[in-house]
N, C-alpha and C. Protein backbone atom coordinates (compact mmCIF):
# COMPACT_ATOMS: atom_id res chain seq x y z
N UNK A 1 47.70 99.99 161.98
CA UNK A 1 47.44 98.97 162.98
C UNK A 1 46.82 97.76 162.30
N UNK A 2 47.25 96.59 162.66
CA UNK A 2 46.77 95.36 162.06
C UNK A 2 45.38 95.04 162.62
N UNK A 3 44.43 94.79 161.73
CA UNK A 3 43.08 94.44 162.16
C UNK A 3 42.99 92.94 162.44
N UNK A 4 41.89 92.54 163.06
CA UNK A 4 41.67 91.13 163.38
C UNK A 4 41.71 90.28 162.12
N UNK A 5 41.00 90.71 161.07
CA UNK A 5 40.97 89.94 159.82
C UNK A 5 42.36 89.81 159.22
N UNK A 6 43.11 90.91 159.23
CA UNK A 6 44.46 90.89 158.66
C UNK A 6 45.39 89.97 159.45
N UNK A 7 45.25 89.98 160.78
CA UNK A 7 46.13 89.13 161.59
C UNK A 7 45.80 87.66 161.40
N UNK A 8 44.52 87.32 161.31
CA UNK A 8 44.14 85.93 161.08
C UNK A 8 44.60 85.50 159.68
N UNK A 9 44.42 86.36 158.69
CA UNK A 9 44.87 86.06 157.33
C UNK A 9 46.38 85.87 157.30
N UNK A 10 47.14 86.74 157.97
CA UNK A 10 48.60 86.62 158.00
C UNK A 10 49.01 85.31 158.66
N UNK A 11 48.35 84.93 159.75
CA UNK A 11 48.67 83.66 160.43
C UNK A 11 48.36 82.47 159.52
N UNK A 12 47.23 82.51 158.82
CA UNK A 12 46.87 81.40 157.92
C UNK A 12 47.85 81.29 156.76
N UNK A 13 48.28 82.43 156.21
CA UNK A 13 49.26 82.40 155.12
C UNK A 13 50.57 81.82 155.62
N UNK A 14 50.99 82.22 156.83
CA UNK A 14 52.24 81.70 157.39
C UNK A 14 52.16 80.20 157.61
N UNK A 15 51.07 79.73 158.19
CA UNK A 15 50.89 78.29 158.44
C UNK A 15 50.87 77.53 157.12
N UNK A 16 50.13 78.03 156.13
CA UNK A 16 50.06 77.37 154.82
C UNK A 16 51.44 77.29 154.18
N UNK A 17 52.19 78.38 154.24
CA UNK A 17 53.53 78.40 153.67
C UNK A 17 54.43 77.40 154.37
N UNK A 18 54.34 77.39 155.71
CA UNK A 18 55.17 76.46 156.47
C UNK A 18 54.81 75.02 156.16
N UNK A 19 53.53 74.70 156.04
CA UNK A 19 53.12 73.33 155.77
C UNK A 19 53.50 72.90 154.36
N UNK A 20 53.43 73.81 153.39
CA UNK A 20 53.85 73.48 152.03
C UNK A 20 55.34 73.22 152.01
N UNK A 21 56.13 74.08 152.68
CA UNK A 21 57.58 73.90 152.73
C UNK A 21 57.96 72.66 153.54
N UNK A 22 57.09 72.21 154.41
CA UNK A 22 57.38 71.06 155.26
C UNK A 22 57.39 69.75 154.49
N UNK A 23 57.08 69.78 153.21
CA UNK A 23 57.06 68.56 152.42
C UNK A 23 58.47 68.09 152.05
N UNK A 24 59.50 68.92 152.31
CA UNK A 24 60.87 68.50 152.07
C UNK A 24 61.22 67.38 153.04
N UNK A 25 62.06 66.41 152.62
CA UNK A 25 62.33 65.24 153.46
C UNK A 25 62.92 65.57 154.83
N UNK A 26 63.79 66.54 154.94
CA UNK A 26 64.44 66.83 156.22
C UNK A 26 63.58 67.71 157.13
N UNK A 27 62.56 68.30 156.59
CA UNK A 27 61.69 69.19 157.35
C UNK A 27 60.52 68.39 157.92
N UNK A 28 60.14 68.72 159.16
CA UNK A 28 58.98 68.05 159.74
C UNK A 28 58.02 69.10 160.29
N UNK A 29 56.82 68.69 160.56
CA UNK A 29 55.82 69.59 161.11
C UNK A 29 54.93 68.81 162.06
N UNK A 30 54.17 69.54 162.85
CA UNK A 30 53.30 68.86 163.79
C UNK A 30 52.36 69.81 164.50
N UNK A 31 51.69 69.26 165.50
CA UNK A 31 50.75 70.02 166.31
C UNK A 31 51.19 69.92 167.77
N UNK A 32 50.81 70.92 168.56
CA UNK A 32 51.12 70.90 169.97
C UNK A 32 50.04 71.59 170.75
N UNK A 33 49.97 71.30 172.02
CA UNK A 33 48.98 71.94 172.86
C UNK A 33 49.19 71.57 174.31
N UNK A 34 48.46 72.27 175.17
CA UNK A 34 48.57 71.98 176.59
C UNK A 34 47.99 73.06 177.46
N UNK A 35 48.52 73.16 178.65
CA UNK A 35 48.06 74.07 179.71
C UNK A 35 49.01 75.24 179.81
N UNK A 36 48.45 76.45 180.04
CA UNK A 36 49.34 77.58 180.28
C UNK A 36 48.89 78.36 181.51
N UNK A 37 49.86 78.91 182.19
CA UNK A 37 49.64 79.81 183.32
C UNK A 37 50.16 81.17 182.88
N UNK A 38 49.31 82.17 182.87
CA UNK A 38 49.70 83.50 182.42
C UNK A 38 49.70 84.44 183.61
N UNK A 39 50.77 85.22 183.73
CA UNK A 39 50.96 86.13 184.85
C UNK A 39 50.89 87.57 184.35
N UNK A 40 50.01 88.35 184.94
CA UNK A 40 49.84 89.76 184.58
C UNK A 40 50.26 90.63 185.75
N UNK A 41 50.95 91.73 185.47
CA UNK A 41 51.19 92.76 186.47
C UNK A 41 50.41 93.98 186.03
N UNK A 42 49.53 94.44 186.90
CA UNK A 42 48.64 95.55 186.56
C UNK A 42 49.01 96.76 187.38
N UNK A 43 49.30 97.86 186.68
CA UNK A 43 49.66 99.11 187.34
C UNK A 43 48.39 99.92 187.57
N UNK A 44 48.13 100.26 188.82
CA UNK A 44 46.94 101.03 189.16
C UNK A 44 47.30 102.48 189.46
N UNK A 45 48.22 103.02 188.71
CA UNK A 45 48.67 104.41 188.81
C UNK A 45 49.05 104.76 190.24
N UNK A 46 48.30 105.58 190.96
CA UNK A 46 48.66 106.05 192.30
C UNK A 46 48.50 104.96 193.36
N UNK A 47 47.82 103.88 193.04
CA UNK A 47 47.58 102.82 194.02
C UNK A 47 48.65 101.73 193.98
N UNK A 48 49.60 101.83 193.08
CA UNK A 48 50.63 100.81 192.95
C UNK A 48 50.25 99.75 191.94
N UNK A 49 50.95 98.65 191.97
CA UNK A 49 50.67 97.57 191.03
C UNK A 49 50.43 96.27 191.80
N UNK A 50 49.74 95.36 191.15
CA UNK A 50 49.55 94.05 191.73
C UNK A 50 49.65 93.01 190.63
N UNK A 51 49.98 91.80 191.04
CA UNK A 51 50.12 90.70 190.08
C UNK A 51 48.97 89.73 190.24
N UNK A 52 48.56 89.17 189.12
CA UNK A 52 47.51 88.15 189.12
C UNK A 52 47.87 87.10 188.07
N UNK A 53 47.26 85.95 188.15
CA UNK A 53 47.52 84.91 187.17
C UNK A 53 46.21 84.27 186.74
N UNK A 54 46.23 83.70 185.56
CA UNK A 54 45.09 82.99 184.98
C UNK A 54 45.59 81.68 184.39
N UNK A 55 44.75 80.67 184.41
CA UNK A 55 45.07 79.38 183.80
C UNK A 55 44.25 79.23 182.53
N UNK A 56 44.88 78.71 181.49
CA UNK A 56 44.18 78.53 180.23
C UNK A 56 44.76 77.38 179.44
N UNK A 57 44.52 77.40 178.15
CA UNK A 57 45.02 76.34 177.27
C UNK A 57 45.59 76.96 176.01
N UNK A 58 46.34 76.15 175.27
CA UNK A 58 46.88 76.59 173.99
C UNK A 58 46.95 75.41 173.03
N UNK A 59 47.00 75.73 171.76
CA UNK A 59 47.15 74.72 170.72
C UNK A 59 47.63 75.38 169.45
N UNK A 60 48.34 74.64 168.64
CA UNK A 60 48.82 75.23 167.40
C UNK A 60 49.66 74.27 166.58
N UNK A 61 50.43 74.85 165.68
CA UNK A 61 51.25 74.07 164.75
C UNK A 61 52.70 74.55 164.82
N UNK A 62 53.60 73.66 164.41
CA UNK A 62 55.02 74.01 164.34
C UNK A 62 55.65 73.34 163.14
N UNK A 63 56.78 73.88 162.69
CA UNK A 63 57.56 73.32 161.59
C UNK A 63 59.02 73.35 162.03
N UNK A 64 59.76 72.28 161.69
CA UNK A 64 61.19 72.25 162.00
C UNK A 64 61.99 72.24 160.71
N UNK A 65 62.99 73.12 160.64
CA UNK A 65 63.90 73.22 159.50
C UNK A 65 65.32 72.92 160.00
N UNK A 66 65.80 71.68 159.84
CA UNK A 66 67.15 71.35 160.32
C UNK A 66 68.23 72.13 159.58
N UNK A 67 69.17 72.67 160.35
CA UNK A 67 70.32 73.38 159.80
C UNK A 67 71.52 72.43 159.73
N UNK A 68 71.75 71.70 160.83
CA UNK A 68 72.76 70.65 160.88
C UNK A 68 72.28 69.58 161.85
N UNK A 69 73.19 68.72 162.33
CA UNK A 69 72.77 67.62 163.21
C UNK A 69 72.26 68.07 164.57
N UNK A 70 72.59 69.29 164.99
CA UNK A 70 72.21 69.75 166.33
C UNK A 70 71.33 70.99 166.36
N UNK A 71 71.31 71.77 165.28
CA UNK A 71 70.57 73.04 165.26
C UNK A 71 69.39 72.98 164.30
N UNK A 72 68.23 73.45 164.79
CA UNK A 72 66.99 73.46 164.01
C UNK A 72 66.36 74.85 164.16
N UNK A 73 65.80 75.38 163.10
CA UNK A 73 64.98 76.59 163.17
C UNK A 73 63.53 76.11 163.26
N UNK A 74 62.79 76.61 164.26
CA UNK A 74 61.43 76.12 164.51
C UNK A 74 60.45 77.27 164.73
N UNK A 75 59.72 77.68 163.69
CA UNK A 75 58.62 78.63 163.89
C UNK A 75 57.36 77.91 164.36
N UNK A 76 56.54 78.63 165.11
CA UNK A 76 55.28 78.08 165.61
C UNK A 76 54.18 79.13 165.50
N UNK A 77 52.96 78.69 165.43
CA UNK A 77 51.78 79.57 165.54
C UNK A 77 50.87 78.89 166.56
N UNK A 78 50.66 79.57 167.70
CA UNK A 78 49.85 79.01 168.79
C UNK A 78 48.67 79.92 169.10
N UNK A 79 47.51 79.33 169.27
CA UNK A 79 46.33 80.05 169.73
C UNK A 79 46.26 79.84 171.24
N UNK A 80 46.17 80.93 171.99
CA UNK A 80 46.16 80.86 173.45
C UNK A 80 44.87 81.47 173.96
N UNK A 81 44.22 80.76 174.87
CA UNK A 81 43.01 81.27 175.52
C UNK A 81 43.24 81.18 177.02
N UNK A 82 43.13 82.33 177.68
CA UNK A 82 43.33 82.38 179.12
C UNK A 82 42.37 83.43 179.69
N UNK A 83 41.46 83.00 180.54
CA UNK A 83 40.48 83.93 181.09
C UNK A 83 39.68 84.59 179.99
N UNK A 84 39.64 85.91 180.00
CA UNK A 84 38.93 86.68 178.97
C UNK A 84 39.82 87.03 177.78
N UNK A 85 41.06 86.56 177.77
CA UNK A 85 42.00 86.94 176.73
C UNK A 85 42.21 85.79 175.75
N UNK A 86 42.24 86.14 174.46
CA UNK A 86 42.54 85.20 173.38
C UNK A 86 43.59 85.87 172.50
N UNK A 87 44.66 85.14 172.23
CA UNK A 87 45.69 85.75 171.41
C UNK A 87 46.49 84.70 170.66
N UNK A 88 47.21 85.17 169.63
CA UNK A 88 48.14 84.33 168.87
C UNK A 88 49.54 84.58 169.39
N UNK A 89 50.29 83.52 169.58
CA UNK A 89 51.69 83.60 169.96
C UNK A 89 52.47 83.00 168.80
N UNK A 90 53.39 83.78 168.23
CA UNK A 90 54.16 83.33 167.06
C UNK A 90 55.65 83.46 167.39
N UNK A 91 56.23 82.40 167.98
CA UNK A 91 57.67 82.43 168.27
C UNK A 91 58.48 81.91 167.08
N UNK A 92 59.73 82.34 167.02
CA UNK A 92 60.70 81.83 166.06
C UNK A 92 61.89 81.34 166.88
N UNK A 93 62.03 80.01 166.97
CA UNK A 93 63.03 79.41 167.85
C UNK A 93 64.28 78.96 167.11
N UNK A 94 65.40 79.09 167.81
CA UNK A 94 66.60 78.32 167.50
C UNK A 94 66.52 77.13 168.44
N UNK A 95 66.42 75.93 167.88
CA UNK A 95 66.23 74.70 168.64
C UNK A 95 67.55 73.94 168.61
N UNK A 96 68.18 73.78 169.78
CA UNK A 96 69.49 73.15 169.87
C UNK A 96 69.41 71.88 170.71
N UNK A 97 69.90 70.77 170.18
CA UNK A 97 69.92 69.51 170.92
C UNK A 97 71.10 69.53 171.90
N UNK A 98 70.80 69.64 173.20
CA UNK A 98 71.84 69.73 174.22
C UNK A 98 72.26 68.35 174.73
N UNK A 99 71.40 67.36 174.60
CA UNK A 99 71.70 65.97 174.97
C UNK A 99 70.78 65.09 174.14
N UNK A 100 71.03 63.80 174.14
CA UNK A 100 70.21 62.89 173.35
C UNK A 100 68.74 63.05 173.77
N UNK A 101 67.88 63.42 172.82
CA UNK A 101 66.44 63.60 172.98
C UNK A 101 66.04 64.84 173.77
N UNK A 102 66.99 65.64 174.26
CA UNK A 102 66.69 66.85 175.03
C UNK A 102 67.09 68.08 174.24
N UNK A 103 66.14 68.99 174.05
CA UNK A 103 66.36 70.20 173.24
C UNK A 103 66.13 71.45 174.07
N UNK A 104 66.89 72.49 173.79
CA UNK A 104 66.70 73.81 174.36
C UNK A 104 66.33 74.74 173.22
N UNK A 105 65.23 75.50 173.38
CA UNK A 105 64.75 76.40 172.34
C UNK A 105 64.70 77.82 172.91
N UNK A 106 65.08 78.79 172.09
CA UNK A 106 65.02 80.18 172.52
C UNK A 106 64.81 81.06 171.30
N UNK A 107 64.11 82.18 171.51
CA UNK A 107 63.91 83.11 170.42
C UNK A 107 62.86 84.15 170.72
N UNK A 108 62.69 85.08 169.80
CA UNK A 108 61.69 86.13 169.97
C UNK A 108 60.29 85.61 169.63
N UNK A 109 59.29 86.31 170.12
CA UNK A 109 57.91 85.96 169.77
C UNK A 109 57.10 87.23 169.62
N UNK A 110 56.08 87.14 168.79
CA UNK A 110 55.13 88.23 168.61
C UNK A 110 53.77 87.70 169.04
N UNK A 111 53.06 88.49 169.83
CA UNK A 111 51.73 88.11 170.30
C UNK A 111 50.72 89.12 169.76
N UNK A 112 49.62 88.61 169.25
CA UNK A 112 48.53 89.48 168.82
C UNK A 112 47.33 89.18 169.70
N UNK A 113 46.92 90.17 170.50
CA UNK A 113 45.77 90.03 171.39
C UNK A 113 44.51 90.44 170.65
N UNK A 114 43.57 89.51 170.50
CA UNK A 114 42.34 89.78 169.77
C UNK A 114 41.44 90.75 170.51
N UNK A 115 41.38 90.66 171.83
CA UNK A 115 40.43 91.47 172.57
C UNK A 115 41.06 92.23 173.73
N UNK A 116 42.34 92.40 173.73
CA UNK A 116 43.07 93.09 174.79
C UNK A 116 43.21 94.55 174.38
N UNK A 117 42.30 95.38 174.83
CA UNK A 117 42.26 96.79 174.47
C UNK A 117 42.19 96.97 172.94
N UNK A 118 41.23 96.30 172.30
CA UNK A 118 40.92 96.36 170.87
C UNK A 118 42.06 95.88 169.97
N UNK A 119 42.77 94.91 170.39
CA UNK A 119 43.78 94.27 169.54
C UNK A 119 45.12 94.97 169.59
N UNK A 120 46.11 94.33 170.15
CA UNK A 120 47.44 94.90 170.26
C UNK A 120 48.49 93.86 169.92
N UNK A 121 49.56 94.32 169.28
CA UNK A 121 50.73 93.49 169.06
C UNK A 121 51.69 93.69 170.22
N UNK A 122 52.21 92.61 170.75
CA UNK A 122 53.17 92.65 171.85
C UNK A 122 54.37 91.79 171.47
N UNK A 123 55.54 92.19 171.92
CA UNK A 123 56.76 91.46 171.65
C UNK A 123 57.20 90.73 172.92
N UNK A 124 57.71 89.52 172.74
CA UNK A 124 58.18 88.75 173.87
C UNK A 124 59.45 88.00 173.55
N UNK A 125 59.97 87.34 174.56
CA UNK A 125 61.13 86.46 174.41
C UNK A 125 60.75 85.13 175.03
N UNK A 126 60.99 84.05 174.31
CA UNK A 126 60.61 82.71 174.77
C UNK A 126 61.84 81.85 174.99
N UNK A 127 61.76 81.02 176.01
CA UNK A 127 62.75 79.98 176.24
C UNK A 127 61.98 78.71 176.57
N UNK A 128 62.42 77.61 175.99
CA UNK A 128 61.66 76.38 176.12
C UNK A 128 62.62 75.19 176.15
N UNK A 129 62.11 74.09 176.65
CA UNK A 129 62.84 72.83 176.55
C UNK A 129 61.86 71.76 176.11
N UNK A 130 62.37 70.78 175.39
CA UNK A 130 61.51 69.67 174.96
C UNK A 130 62.28 68.37 175.11
N UNK A 131 61.53 67.32 175.37
CA UNK A 131 62.11 66.00 175.50
C UNK A 131 61.35 65.05 174.58
N UNK A 132 62.08 64.34 173.72
CA UNK A 132 61.48 63.40 172.77
C UNK A 132 61.14 62.10 173.49
N UNK A 133 59.85 61.88 173.74
CA UNK A 133 59.38 60.65 174.36
C UNK A 133 59.49 59.50 173.36
N UNK A 134 59.15 59.77 172.11
CA UNK A 134 59.29 58.81 171.02
C UNK A 134 59.63 59.60 169.76
N UNK A 135 59.68 58.94 168.61
CA UNK A 135 60.00 59.63 167.36
C UNK A 135 58.95 60.66 166.98
N UNK A 136 57.71 60.49 167.45
CA UNK A 136 56.65 61.42 167.07
C UNK A 136 56.06 62.21 168.23
N UNK A 137 56.39 61.86 169.47
CA UNK A 137 55.79 62.52 170.64
C UNK A 137 56.86 63.18 171.49
N UNK A 138 56.60 64.45 171.87
CA UNK A 138 57.53 65.18 172.74
C UNK A 138 56.76 65.90 173.84
N UNK A 139 57.41 66.07 174.97
CA UNK A 139 56.87 66.88 176.07
C UNK A 139 57.67 68.17 176.11
N UNK A 140 57.01 69.27 176.42
CA UNK A 140 57.73 70.53 176.46
C UNK A 140 57.25 71.43 177.61
N UNK A 141 58.17 72.29 178.02
CA UNK A 141 57.92 73.33 179.01
C UNK A 141 58.46 74.61 178.41
N UNK A 142 57.68 75.70 178.52
CA UNK A 142 58.07 76.96 177.87
C UNK A 142 57.77 78.11 178.82
N UNK A 143 58.67 79.11 178.84
CA UNK A 143 58.43 80.35 179.58
C UNK A 143 58.48 81.50 178.59
N UNK A 144 57.47 82.34 178.62
CA UNK A 144 57.39 83.51 177.75
C UNK A 144 57.51 84.76 178.61
N UNK A 145 58.42 85.63 178.25
CA UNK A 145 58.61 86.89 178.97
C UNK A 145 58.09 88.02 178.10
N UNK A 146 57.06 88.73 178.58
CA UNK A 146 56.53 89.87 177.85
C UNK A 146 57.46 91.05 177.99
N UNK A 147 57.86 91.66 176.87
CA UNK A 147 58.82 92.76 176.90
C UNK A 147 58.15 94.13 176.84
N UNK A 148 56.89 94.18 176.41
CA UNK A 148 56.17 95.45 176.31
C UNK A 148 55.37 95.70 177.58
N UNK A 149 54.97 96.96 177.76
CA UNK A 149 54.06 97.29 178.85
C UNK A 149 52.76 96.53 178.65
N UNK A 150 52.21 96.00 179.71
CA UNK A 150 50.98 95.20 179.72
C UNK A 150 51.12 93.87 179.00
N UNK A 151 52.34 93.47 178.65
CA UNK A 151 52.53 92.16 178.02
C UNK A 151 52.70 91.11 179.13
N UNK A 152 51.92 90.05 179.07
CA UNK A 152 51.98 89.05 180.15
C UNK A 152 53.17 88.11 180.01
N UNK A 153 53.54 87.50 181.12
CA UNK A 153 54.50 86.41 181.13
C UNK A 153 53.70 85.12 181.21
N UNK A 154 54.24 84.03 180.68
CA UNK A 154 53.50 82.78 180.70
C UNK A 154 54.38 81.58 180.90
N UNK A 155 53.81 80.56 181.49
CA UNK A 155 54.46 79.28 181.69
C UNK A 155 53.57 78.22 181.04
N UNK A 156 54.14 77.42 180.14
CA UNK A 156 53.38 76.47 179.34
C UNK A 156 53.88 75.05 179.59
N UNK A 157 52.95 74.11 179.69
CA UNK A 157 53.26 72.68 179.83
C UNK A 157 52.43 71.94 178.79
N UNK A 158 53.07 71.13 177.94
CA UNK A 158 52.27 70.45 176.93
C UNK A 158 52.98 69.33 176.21
N UNK A 159 52.30 68.85 175.18
CA UNK A 159 52.80 67.79 174.34
C UNK A 159 52.79 68.22 172.88
N UNK A 160 53.74 67.70 172.11
CA UNK A 160 53.78 67.95 170.68
C UNK A 160 53.75 66.63 169.94
N UNK A 161 53.09 66.61 168.80
CA UNK A 161 52.97 65.41 167.98
C UNK A 161 53.46 65.73 166.58
N UNK A 162 54.53 65.06 166.14
CA UNK A 162 55.05 65.25 164.78
C UNK A 162 54.18 64.44 163.83
N UNK A 163 53.77 65.09 162.75
CA UNK A 163 52.91 64.43 161.76
C UNK A 163 53.70 63.93 160.58
C-alpha cells in the first residue's frame, strides 16, 4: 500500500519530470484551479444508501504534449480539498480540439485520498471541456466518475493559465 510520503514523493517526481519535459518548444504547461462539487453515495448496509454532496476547491498543474494539430496528451496533478477530504487527482487526458478554441478531454484518473479511511487509491474516469479565452487563459468544466466502491463523483468549474 502506498504511504502518504510515497504518494507525495511520486506526485512531486511526476510534476518535476513534466515541467522539465515542458521546456520543448511545442510543449506547454500551466496551472489551474477552481470550485468543485463532490457527490458521495453512502451505503448504510441494512438501512439503504443515501447521497450527499460537498463543495470545495482544487488547484494544480498540467502539461500539454501535442501529437498533431488537433490531438494533445495532457497529464495533470490536482490537489482537491472538499469538506474533511483531501486528495490528489491525477488524470491522463486525450485532449481533442472539436472546434476553434473548444476542446474535449477524456481519460482515466487515479485519486489518492490522504485521510479517507487511512489513505486509499481510487480509479476514475474523467471527461472535460475547455474553452480558450485567450492564448494563455482557458475556462474548463470537468466531470469525474468514481469507478471504485466509495469513490466520489465530482463536477469542477475553473480556470487554467498557461505559463
